[in-house]
């Protein structure tokens, strides 16, 4: 499916509840997938998923009963598996469209938060558009060229995911790069600032993540 014809797929993660204003980032025509106890989080946000996926070890019993009564699709996996519930959900999302938006909390386990961000940059899940809201931070994955909007926060930190990135160009920021390298593990892109309402980030080789920590 092309991004012009398919709706955005919103994936609501399990764990602690996401920011209540997360709902403001969800388009009215979005297709929603809940990750395990993300079903309870989705319902609290007023969202009705088309699918619940995971090992179902944390979803509430009342939530699971509601899913069954609503005849919402359930894809249950064993607890012992090689992929996280979120990765399984993103695999499903890739079959529904090429634009995904992940909603998660940042108040749970740090390793899971870190894993969520690195997973967004996975080569096996190369969505055309991949964004997320983790806590109050807006996340944008850049594989080619992406606009960054001031409405999601003026402070922007840019990091390389995986191997070093090259051909990195930023426009509309206080500190700009022009066809530069951004090594893996570098803080060169930390705490940049948008000069106006929109900036642009592009990369010719590699994957970048832009984090706007004050989106809400």
Protein backbone atom coordinates (compact mmCIF):
# COMPACT_ATOMS: atom_id res chain seq x y z
CA UNK A 1 0.00 0.00 0.00
CA UNK A 2 1.17 3.53 -0.64
CA UNK A 3 1.23 6.20 2.03
CA UNK A 4 -1.31 8.13 -0.03
CA UNK A 5 -3.96 5.41 0.11
CA UNK A 6 -3.41 3.68 3.45
CA UNK A 7 -4.24 5.21 6.82
CA UNK A 8 -1.63 5.65 9.51
CA UNK A 9 -1.20 2.63 11.75
CA UNK A 10 -1.04 3.62 15.42
CA UNK A 11 0.56 1.11 17.76
CA UNK A 12 -0.23 1.57 21.45
CA UNK A 13 2.35 -0.06 23.70
CA UNK A 14 1.78 -1.82 26.98
CA UNK A 15 3.33 -0.92 30.30
CA UNK A 16 2.64 2.33 32.18
CA UNK A 17 -0.02 4.59 30.72
CA UNK A 18 1.15 7.02 28.03
CA UNK A 19 0.67 10.75 28.35
CA UNK A 20 -3.09 11.52 28.24
CA UNK A 21 -2.49 14.09 25.51
CA UNK A 22 -1.16 11.34 23.23
CA UNK A 23 -4.63 11.13 21.70
CA UNK A 24 -4.05 14.56 20.12
CA UNK A 25 -1.46 12.99 17.81
CA UNK A 26 -3.79 10.26 16.49
CA UNK A 27 -5.58 10.94 13.16
CA UNK A 28 -9.30 10.22 13.16
CA UNK A 29 -8.90 7.61 10.41
CA UNK A 30 -5.97 5.79 12.04
CA UNK A 31 -5.89 2.01 12.31
CA UNK A 32 -5.00 1.05 15.88
CA UNK A 33 -3.09 -2.01 17.10
CA UNK A 34 -2.75 -2.66 20.84
CA UNK A 35 0.33 -4.37 22.24
CA UNK A 36 -0.76 -6.63 25.12
CA UNK A 37 -1.76 -4.29 27.99
CA UNK A 38 -1.64 -1.51 25.42
CA UNK A 39 -5.28 -2.50 25.01
CA UNK A 40 -6.02 -0.99 28.42
CA UNK A 41 -3.97 2.09 27.52
CA UNK A 42 -5.78 2.42 24.19
CA UNK A 43 -9.18 2.23 25.85
CA UNK A 44 -8.15 4.89 28.37
CA UNK A 45 -7.29 7.14 25.41
CA UNK A 46 -10.65 6.44 23.80
CA UNK A 47 -9.20 4.30 21.01
CA UNK A 48 -10.67 1.06 19.67
CA UNK A 49 -8.01 -1.26 18.22
CA UNK A 50 -8.61 -3.67 15.39
CA UNK A 51 -6.14 -6.13 16.91
CA UNK A 52 -4.48 -7.08 20.19
CA UNK A 53 -1.13 -8.77 19.87
CA UNK A 54 1.45 -10.22 22.27
CA UNK A 55 1.86 -12.91 24.88
CA UNK A 56 -1.06 -11.43 26.86
CA UNK A 57 0.81 -11.61 30.15
CA UNK A 58 -0.07 -8.08 31.24
CA UNK A 59 -3.46 -7.23 29.72
CA UNK A 60 -6.20 -6.88 32.33
CA UNK A 61 -8.78 -9.66 32.59
CA UNK A 62 -11.56 -7.09 32.08
CA UNK A 63 -9.77 -5.77 29.01
CA UNK A 64 -9.38 -9.24 27.55
CA UNK A 65 -13.07 -9.97 28.20
CA UNK A 66 -13.99 -6.73 26.42
CA UNK A 67 -11.81 -7.64 23.43
CA UNK A 68 -13.53 -11.00 23.10
CA UNK A 69 -17.01 -9.50 23.43
CA UNK A 70 -16.14 -6.90 20.80
CA UNK A 71 -14.79 -9.68 18.55
CA UNK A 72 -11.53 -7.85 18.10
CA UNK A 73 -8.80 -9.99 16.56
CA UNK A 74 -6.35 -11.49 19.05
CA UNK A 75 -2.91 -12.72 18.02
CA UNK A 76 -1.40 -14.52 20.99
CA UNK A 77 2.23 -15.63 21.13
CA UNK A 78 4.14 -17.70 23.70
CA UNK A 79 6.07 -15.88 26.42
CA UNK A 80 9.32 -17.52 25.30
CA UNK A 81 10.02 -15.91 21.92
CA UNK A 82 12.77 -14.11 20.01
CA UNK A 83 10.82 -10.92 19.34
CA UNK A 84 9.26 -8.40 21.69
CA UNK A 85 5.52 -7.84 21.59
CA UNK A 86 6.15 -4.44 19.98
CA UNK A 87 8.24 -5.97 17.21
CA UNK A 88 5.46 -8.46 16.51
CA UNK A 89 2.98 -5.58 16.38
CA UNK A 90 5.17 -3.60 13.99
CA UNK A 91 5.41 -6.65 11.72
CA UNK A 92 1.61 -6.62 11.58
CA UNK A 93 1.54 -2.86 11.06
CA UNK A 94 3.82 -3.21 8.02
CA UNK A 95 1.13 -5.35 6.37
CA UNK A 96 -1.47 -2.61 6.86
CA UNK A 97 0.39 0.47 5.67
CA UNK A 98 3.74 2.19 5.36
CA UNK A 99 3.18 4.90 7.97
CA UNK A 100 3.33 4.01 11.66
CA UNK A 101 3.02 6.00 14.87
CA UNK A 102 4.03 4.42 18.18
CA UNK A 103 2.59 5.58 21.50
CA UNK A 104 4.42 4.55 24.66
CA UNK A 105 5.28 5.73 28.14
CA UNK A 106 8.75 6.74 29.29
CA UNK A 107 8.07 5.96 32.95
CA UNK A 108 8.57 2.21 32.77
CA UNK A 109 11.73 0.15 32.36
CA UNK A 110 14.55 2.08 30.69
CA UNK A 111 15.72 -0.94 28.69
CA UNK A 112 12.29 -1.26 27.12
CA UNK A 113 12.20 2.44 26.25
CA UNK A 114 15.64 2.19 24.67
CA UNK A 115 14.59 -0.95 22.82
CA UNK A 116 11.48 0.78 21.48
CA UNK A 117 13.57 3.57 19.93
CA UNK A 118 16.19 1.25 18.42
CA UNK A 119 13.44 -0.99 17.07
CA UNK A 120 11.96 1.96 15.17
CA UNK A 121 15.21 2.10 13.20
CA UNK A 122 15.31 -1.59 12.36
CA UNK A 123 16.19 -2.34 8.73
CA UNK A 124 13.59 -5.11 8.70
CA UNK A 125 10.84 -2.58 9.56
CA UNK A 126 11.61 0.16 7.08
CA UNK A 127 8.36 2.13 7.12
CA UNK A 128 8.20 5.09 4.75
CA UNK A 129 7.07 7.21 7.69
CA UNK A 130 7.90 6.19 11.25
CA UNK A 131 7.09 8.48 14.16
CA UNK A 132 6.26 8.06 17.81
CA UNK A 133 5.42 9.68 21.09
CA UNK A 134 7.32 8.25 24.05
CA UNK A 135 6.20 10.05 27.17
CA UNK A 136 6.32 13.71 26.13
CA UNK A 137 9.04 13.22 23.50
CA UNK A 138 8.21 13.20 19.79
CA UNK A 139 10.35 10.75 17.78
CA UNK A 140 11.03 10.96 14.03
CA UNK A 141 13.00 8.36 12.06
CA UNK A 142 14.93 9.67 9.07
CA UNK A 143 16.01 7.26 6.34
CA UNK A 144 15.99 9.81 3.53
CA UNK A 145 14.44 13.22 4.24
CA UNK A 146 11.97 14.36 6.91
CA UNK A 147 10.47 17.65 8.03
CA UNK A 148 10.70 18.56 11.72
CA UNK A 149 7.98 20.83 13.08
CA UNK A 150 8.25 23.39 15.84
CA UNK A 151 4.79 22.48 17.09
CA UNK A 152 6.41 19.34 18.51
CA UNK A 153 9.05 21.35 20.38
CA UNK A 154 11.88 23.71 19.45
CA UNK A 155 14.65 21.58 20.99
CA UNK A 156 15.74 18.74 18.69
CA UNK A 157 18.46 16.14 19.28
CA UNK A 158 19.66 14.07 16.34
CA UNK A 159 21.42 10.71 16.70
CA UNK A 160 22.63 7.98 14.40
CA UNK A 161 21.06 4.56 14.88
CA UNK A 162 23.33 1.65 14.10
CA UNK A 163 26.36 2.32 11.94
CA UNK A 164 27.59 5.81 11.18
CA UNK A 165 25.46 8.01 8.94
CA UNK A 166 26.83 10.07 6.08
CA UNK A 167 25.46 12.83 3.89
CA UNK A 168 23.70 14.36 6.89
CA UNK A 169 22.22 17.77 6.11
CA UNK A 170 20.10 19.91 8.42
CA UNK A 171 18.31 23.11 7.47
CA UNK A 172 16.35 25.53 9.65
CA UNK A 173 18.36 24.84 12.82
CA UNK A 174 20.61 27.02 14.93
CA UNK A 175 23.53 24.67 14.20
CA UNK A 176 23.47 23.15 10.74
CA UNK A 177 25.22 20.31 8.98
CA UNK A 178 25.94 20.12 5.27
CA UNK A 179 26.62 16.67 3.83
CA UNK A 180 28.45 15.71 7.03
CA UNK A 181 29.07 12.45 8.85
CA UNK A 182 27.31 11.63 12.11
CA UNK A 183 29.21 8.78 13.77
CA UNK A 184 27.45 6.14 15.83
CA UNK A 185 27.51 7.19 19.47
CA UNK A 186 28.26 10.83 18.70
CA UNK A 187 26.58 13.70 20.60
CA UNK A 188 27.22 16.13 17.75
CA UNK A 189 23.48 16.46 17.17
CA UNK A 190 22.51 16.84 20.83
CA UNK A 191 20.29 19.79 21.86
CA UNK A 192 19.93 21.63 18.57
CA UNK A 193 17.22 24.28 18.22
CA UNK A 194 14.76 25.03 15.43
CA UNK A 195 14.99 28.62 14.22
CA UNK A 196 11.46 28.73 12.83
CA UNK A 197 8.37 26.55 12.57
CA UNK A 198 9.95 23.93 10.34
CA UNK A 199 13.32 22.36 9.77
CA UNK A 200 14.54 19.67 7.41
CA UNK A 201 16.84 16.71 8.04
CA UNK A 202 18.21 14.45 5.30
CA UNK A 203 20.68 11.59 5.14
CA UNK A 204 22.13 9.72 2.17
CA UNK A 205 23.43 6.65 4.01
CA UNK A 206 22.32 5.42 7.42
CA UNK A 207 19.39 5.95 9.77
CA UNK A 208 18.85 8.96 12.02
CA UNK A 209 16.48 9.56 14.89
CA UNK A 210 15.32 13.04 15.83
CA UNK A 211 14.00 13.50 19.37
CA UNK A 212 11.96 16.53 20.40
CA UNK A 213 11.77 16.12 24.18
CA UNK A 214 9.12 18.79 24.80
CA UNK A 215 6.32 17.82 22.41
CA UNK A 216 3.71 17.95 25.18
